[in-house]
Amino acid sequence: MAPAELEALLLTHPKIMDAAVIGIPSDEAGELPRAYVVTKPKQELSDDEVHDFMKGKYHHIPSSLLDFPIRESPGLSQETCVF
């Protein structure tokens, strides 16, 4: 699945204002997606919420692509790495 397709899907989440997906190297798959999202103002977003959302939208996405934890990015309280 292309990064732009994942970004478009993430942007349909009601709490996500912006998203960017990049590829990261993987020994098993060659490359896996990593998403960075910015939540809408005054919204909180958990990794479980995003993973459930992604699984609900695309059943054919392997669960291994959805296993990255959410982490807050230093200096940007609303930016989060979701998978």
N, C-alpha and C. Protein backbone atom coordinates (compact mmCIF):
# COMPACT_ATOMS: atom_id res chain seq x y z
N MET A 1 0.84 -1.17 0.00
CA MET A 1 0.00 0.00 0.00
C MET A 1 0.89 1.25 0.00
N ALA A 2 0.61 2.17 -0.88
CA ALA A 2 1.41 3.38 -1.02
C ALA A 2 1.23 4.32 0.17
N PRO A 3 2.28 5.07 0.54
CA PRO A 3 2.16 6.02 1.64
C PRO A 3 0.99 6.99 1.47
N ALA A 4 0.76 7.46 0.27
CA ALA A 4 -0.34 8.41 0.05
C ALA A 4 -1.70 7.79 0.37
N GLU A 5 -1.84 6.49 0.09
CA GLU A 5 -3.10 5.81 0.42
C GLU A 5 -3.30 5.71 1.93
N LEU A 6 -2.23 5.40 2.65
CA LEU A 6 -2.32 5.34 4.11
C LEU A 6 -2.59 6.72 4.70
N GLU A 7 -1.94 7.75 4.16
CA GLU A 7 -2.19 9.12 4.63
C GLU A 7 -3.64 9.50 4.42
N ALA A 8 -4.18 9.19 3.25
CA ALA A 8 -5.58 9.53 2.96
C ALA A 8 -6.51 8.81 3.93
N LEU A 9 -6.21 7.57 4.24
CA LEU A 9 -7.03 6.82 5.18
C LEU A 9 -6.94 7.42 6.58
N LEU A 10 -5.73 7.73 7.03
CA LEU A 10 -5.56 8.34 8.36
C LEU A 10 -6.31 9.67 8.47
N LEU A 11 -6.34 10.43 7.40
CA LEU A 11 -7.02 11.74 7.43
C LEU A 11 -8.53 11.63 7.55
N THR A 12 -9.08 10.43 7.39
CA THR A 12 -10.52 10.26 7.59
C THR A 12 -10.87 10.05 9.06
N HIS A 13 -9.85 9.88 9.90
CA HIS A 13 -10.11 9.74 11.35
C HIS A 13 -10.55 11.09 11.90
N PRO A 14 -11.61 11.12 12.69
CA PRO A 14 -12.13 12.41 13.17
C PRO A 14 -11.21 13.21 14.08
N LYS A 15 -10.18 12.58 14.65
CA LYS A 15 -9.28 13.30 15.55
C LYS A 15 -7.95 13.69 14.89
N ILE A 16 -7.74 13.27 13.64
CA ILE A 16 -6.47 13.52 12.96
C ILE A 16 -6.59 14.71 12.02
N MET A 17 -5.71 15.69 12.21
CA MET A 17 -5.70 16.89 11.38
C MET A 17 -4.75 16.74 10.19
N ASP A 18 -3.60 16.08 10.39
CA ASP A 18 -2.63 15.92 9.32
C ASP A 18 -1.88 14.61 9.53
N ALA A 19 -1.38 14.04 8.44
CA ALA A 19 -0.65 12.78 8.53
C ALA A 19 0.42 12.72 7.46
N ALA A 20 1.53 12.07 7.80
CA ALA A 20 2.60 11.81 6.84
C ALA A 20 3.08 10.39 7.08
N VAL A 21 3.28 9.64 6.00
CA VAL A 21 3.73 8.26 6.10
C VAL A 21 5.05 8.13 5.35
N ILE A 22 6.02 7.52 6.02
CA ILE A 22 7.32 7.28 5.40
C ILE A 22 7.62 5.78 5.48
N GLY A 23 8.56 5.32 4.67
CA GLY A 23 8.99 3.94 4.74
C GLY A 23 10.20 3.82 5.63
N ILE A 24 10.23 2.76 6.44
CA ILE A 24 11.39 2.47 7.27
C ILE A 24 11.90 1.08 6.90
N PRO A 25 13.20 0.86 6.92
CA PRO A 25 13.75 -0.44 6.54
C PRO A 25 13.27 -1.56 7.46
N SER A 26 13.05 -2.73 6.87
CA SER A 26 12.65 -3.91 7.62
C SER A 26 13.35 -5.11 7.02
N ASP A 27 13.99 -5.92 7.87
CA ASP A 27 14.65 -7.13 7.38
C ASP A 27 13.64 -8.13 6.83
N GLU A 28 12.46 -8.22 7.47
CA GLU A 28 11.46 -9.19 7.06
C GLU A 28 10.70 -8.76 5.81
N ALA A 29 10.30 -7.49 5.74
CA ALA A 29 9.42 -7.04 4.66
C ALA A 29 10.11 -6.14 3.63
N GLY A 30 11.33 -5.75 3.89
CA GLY A 30 12.02 -4.81 3.02
C GLY A 30 11.79 -3.38 3.46
N GLU A 31 10.52 -3.02 3.64
CA GLU A 31 10.15 -1.69 4.11
C GLU A 31 8.77 -1.75 4.75
N LEU A 32 8.62 -1.02 5.84
CA LEU A 32 7.33 -0.90 6.53
C LEU A 32 6.97 0.57 6.66
N PRO A 33 5.67 0.87 6.71
CA PRO A 33 5.27 2.27 6.85
C PRO A 33 5.37 2.75 8.30
N ARG A 34 5.75 3.99 8.45
CA ARG A 34 5.68 4.67 9.75
C ARG A 34 4.90 5.94 9.52
N ALA A 35 3.88 6.14 10.33
CA ALA A 35 3.01 7.31 10.18
C ALA A 35 3.25 8.30 11.30
N TYR A 36 3.21 9.56 10.94
CA TYR A 36 3.25 10.65 11.90
C TYR A 36 1.97 11.42 11.71
N VAL A 37 1.25 11.63 12.81
CA VAL A 37 -0.01 12.35 12.72
C VAL A 37 -0.02 13.54 13.66
N VAL A 38 -0.81 14.52 13.30
CA VAL A 38 -1.07 15.67 14.16
C VAL A 38 -2.55 15.63 14.47
N THR A 39 -2.86 15.62 15.75
CA THR A 39 -4.27 15.59 16.14
C THR A 39 -4.89 16.97 16.00
N LYS A 40 -6.20 16.96 15.89
CA LYS A 40 -6.92 18.23 15.87
C LYS A 40 -6.80 18.87 17.26
N PRO A 41 -6.96 20.19 17.35
CA PRO A 41 -6.81 20.86 18.65
C PRO A 41 -7.69 20.24 19.73
N LYS A 42 -7.09 20.10 20.91
CA LYS A 42 -7.77 19.60 22.11
C LYS A 42 -8.25 18.17 21.97
N GLN A 43 -7.61 17.39 21.11
CA GLN A 43 -7.95 15.97 20.94
C GLN A 43 -6.80 15.11 21.44
N GLU A 44 -7.13 14.00 22.06
CA GLU A 44 -6.14 13.01 22.45
C GLU A 44 -6.38 11.76 21.64
N LEU A 45 -5.31 11.05 21.34
CA LEU A 45 -5.40 9.89 20.46
C LEU A 45 -4.49 8.80 20.99
N SER A 46 -5.02 7.61 21.18
CA SER A 46 -4.20 6.50 21.67
C SER A 46 -3.77 5.61 20.52
N ASP A 47 -2.73 4.84 20.75
CA ASP A 47 -2.29 3.90 19.72
C ASP A 47 -3.37 2.87 19.43
N ASP A 48 -4.05 2.39 20.47
CA ASP A 48 -5.13 1.42 20.25
C ASP A 48 -6.24 2.00 19.38
N GLU A 49 -6.57 3.25 19.61
CA GLU A 49 -7.63 3.90 18.83
C GLU A 49 -7.26 3.96 17.35
N VAL A 50 -6.03 4.32 17.06
CA VAL A 50 -5.59 4.41 15.67
C VAL A 50 -5.49 3.02 15.05
N HIS A 51 -4.92 2.07 15.77
CA HIS A 51 -4.80 0.70 15.24
C HIS A 51 -6.17 0.10 14.96
N ASP A 52 -7.12 0.27 15.88
CA ASP A 52 -8.47 -0.24 15.66
C ASP A 52 -9.11 0.43 14.45
N PHE A 53 -8.89 1.71 14.31
CA PHE A 53 -9.43 2.45 13.17
C PHE A 53 -8.87 1.91 11.86
N MET A 54 -7.55 1.70 11.82
CA MET A 54 -6.93 1.21 10.60
C MET A 54 -7.39 -0.21 10.27
N LYS A 55 -7.47 -1.05 11.28
CA LYS A 55 -7.93 -2.43 11.05
C LYS A 55 -9.38 -2.44 10.57
N GLY A 56 -10.18 -1.54 11.09
CA GLY A 56 -11.58 -1.48 10.69
C GLY A 56 -11.78 -1.01 9.26
N LYS A 57 -10.86 -0.19 8.77
CA LYS A 57 -10.97 0.35 7.42
C LYS A 57 -10.38 -0.57 6.36
N TYR A 58 -9.26 -1.20 6.70
CA TYR A 58 -8.56 -2.04 5.74
C TYR A 58 -8.25 -3.38 6.37
N HIS A 59 -9.13 -4.35 6.17
CA HIS A 59 -8.94 -5.67 6.77
C HIS A 59 -7.75 -6.40 6.15
N HIS A 60 -7.35 -6.02 4.95
CA HIS A 60 -6.25 -6.71 4.29
C HIS A 60 -4.87 -6.17 4.68
N ILE A 61 -4.81 -5.16 5.54
CA ILE A 61 -3.51 -4.67 6.01
C ILE A 61 -2.98 -5.66 7.05
N PRO A 62 -1.80 -6.25 6.82
CA PRO A 62 -1.25 -7.19 7.81
C PRO A 62 -1.07 -6.52 9.16
N SER A 63 -1.36 -7.25 10.22
CA SER A 63 -1.24 -6.67 11.56
C SER A 63 0.17 -6.22 11.86
N SER A 64 1.17 -6.81 11.19
CA SER A 64 2.56 -6.40 11.42
C SER A 64 2.80 -4.95 11.01
N LEU A 65 1.95 -4.41 10.15
CA LEU A 65 2.09 -3.02 9.75
C LEU A 65 1.47 -2.07 10.75
N LEU A 66 0.75 -2.61 11.72
CA LEU A 66 0.02 -1.76 12.66
C LEU A 66 0.57 -1.88 14.09
N ASP A 67 1.75 -2.42 14.24
CA ASP A 67 2.27 -2.71 15.56
C ASP A 67 3.19 -1.66 16.16
N PHE A 68 3.44 -0.56 15.47
CA PHE A 68 4.30 0.47 16.02
C PHE A 68 3.54 1.28 17.08
N PRO A 69 4.17 1.55 18.20
CA PRO A 69 3.50 2.30 19.27
C PRO A 69 3.38 3.79 18.95
N ILE A 70 2.42 4.43 19.56
CA ILE A 70 2.32 5.89 19.48
C ILE A 70 3.37 6.48 20.41
N ARG A 71 4.08 7.47 19.93
CA ARG A 71 5.07 8.19 20.74
C ARG A 71 4.90 9.67 20.51
N GLU A 72 5.00 10.43 21.58
CA GLU A 72 4.96 11.88 21.42
C GLU A 72 6.30 12.36 20.89
N SER A 73 6.25 13.29 19.98
CA SER A 73 7.47 13.84 19.40
C SER A 73 7.96 15.00 20.27
N PRO A 74 9.25 15.06 20.58
CA PRO A 74 9.77 16.14 21.42
C PRO A 74 9.47 17.52 20.82
N GLY A 75 8.94 18.37 21.65
CA GLY A 75 8.69 19.76 21.23
C GLY A 75 7.37 19.98 20.50
N LEU A 76 6.69 18.92 20.12
CA LEU A 76 5.41 19.06 19.43
C LEU A 76 4.39 18.18 20.13
N SER A 77 3.64 18.75 21.03
CA SER A 77 2.76 17.97 21.88
C SER A 77 1.65 17.26 21.11
N GLN A 78 1.29 17.77 19.93
CA GLN A 78 0.20 17.12 19.19
C GLN A 78 0.70 16.17 18.12
N GLU A 79 1.98 16.10 17.87
CA GLU A 79 2.49 15.20 16.83
C GLU A 79 2.77 13.84 17.41
N THR A 80 2.34 12.82 16.73
CA THR A 80 2.44 11.47 17.25
C THR A 80 2.85 10.49 16.16
N CYS A 81 3.68 9.54 16.51
CA CYS A 81 4.02 8.44 15.61
C CYS A 81 3.06 7.30 15.89
N VAL A 82 2.30 6.87 14.92
CA VAL A 82 1.28 5.88 15.21
C VAL A 82 1.57 4.46 14.78
N PHE A 83 2.31 4.24 13.76
CA PHE A 83 2.65 2.87 13.41
C PHE A 83 3.82 2.84 12.48
